[in-house]
Protein backbone atom coordinates (compact mmCIF):
# COMPACT_ATOMS: atom_id res chain seq x y z
CA MET A 1 -0.07 -13.49 18.78
CA THR A 2 1.02 -10.84 16.66
CA ARG A 3 1.97 -7.90 17.82
CA ILE A 4 -0.80 -4.81 18.13
CA THR A 5 0.16 -2.01 16.38
CA GLN A 6 -1.35 1.70 15.51
CA TYR A 7 -3.24 -0.52 12.59
CA SER A 8 -4.30 -3.13 15.03
CA GLU A 9 -8.41 -3.20 14.76
CA VAL A 10 -8.55 -2.86 18.56
CA ASN A 11 -6.86 0.90 17.80
CA LEU A 12 -8.49 2.14 14.38
CA TYR A 13 -11.60 1.40 16.13
CA PRO A 14 -11.39 2.13 19.58
CA GLU A 15 -14.84 2.71 20.25
CA VAL A 16 -15.71 -0.84 19.44
CA VAL A 17 -14.69 -3.30 22.23
CA VAL A 18 -12.15 -6.03 20.38
CA ASP A 19 -11.39 -8.82 22.04
CA SER A 20 -7.51 -8.64 20.71
CA ASP A 21 -6.29 -12.60 22.22
CA THR A 22 -9.11 -13.42 19.65
CA TRP A 23 -8.65 -10.98 16.81
CA ASN A 24 -5.17 -10.03 16.74
CA SER A 25 -3.96 -13.36 16.03
CA PHE A 26 -3.12 -16.14 12.93
CA PRO A 27 -5.66 -18.54 12.59
CA THR A 28 -5.08 -22.53 13.00
CA PRO A 29 -3.56 -24.19 10.00
CA ASP A 30 -7.55 -25.94 10.93
CA ILE A 31 -9.56 -22.82 10.45
CA VAL A 32 -7.36 -21.43 7.13
CA GLU A 33 -8.28 -25.01 5.59
CA MET A 34 -11.96 -24.73 6.44
CA THR A 35 -11.95 -21.06 5.07
CA ILE A 36 -10.47 -22.27 1.58
CA ARG A 37 -12.68 -25.02 1.27
CA THR A 38 -15.88 -22.64 2.53
CA VAL A 39 -14.86 -20.03 -0.08
CA GLY A 40 -14.15 -22.59 -2.53
CA LYS A 41 -17.97 -24.25 -2.37
CA ARG A 42 -18.93 -20.52 -3.42
CA GLY A 43 -17.25 -20.57 -6.54
CA VAL A 44 -14.20 -18.17 -5.77
CA LYS A 45 -10.21 -19.60 -6.05
CA VAL A 46 -8.45 -19.54 -3.50
CA ILE A 47 -4.17 -19.74 -3.77
CA PRO A 48 -2.67 -20.44 -0.14
CA VAL A 49 0.47 -18.75 0.05
CA ALA A 50 2.76 -18.91 2.44
CA ASP A 51 3.78 -14.65 2.68
CA SER A 52 3.81 -11.27 1.37
CA ASN A 53 6.92 -12.26 -1.23
CA GLU A 54 4.99 -15.46 -2.21
CA ALA A 55 1.83 -13.27 -2.75
CA LEU A 56 2.87 -10.38 -4.76
CA SER A 57 4.28 -13.61 -7.13
CA VAL A 58 1.12 -15.04 -7.60
CA VAL A 59 -0.42 -11.71 -8.26
CA LYS A 60 2.10 -10.89 -11.09
CA LYS A 61 1.61 -14.06 -12.57
CA ILE A 62 -2.17 -13.95 -13.11
CA ILE A 63 -2.44 -10.24 -13.74
CA PRO A 64 -1.56 -9.30 -17.60
CA PRO A 65 0.97 -6.69 -17.68
CA PRO A 66 -0.51 -3.40 -19.38
CA CYS A 67 -0.30 -2.89 -22.88
């Protein structure tokens, strides 16, 4: 489980009852794979990455540099 911060949904919307055990944790690998397949069926390309550094690297490769 991840830690609850000031930016966690449970603190951003206090008027909404949020189950922090369910919504403040990382999904299992099975859930991630199912989500990738489901989104892919809708024609969206999914590029799984391990962390934010890898995500930034992928984004930099996809987006062309400014003219």
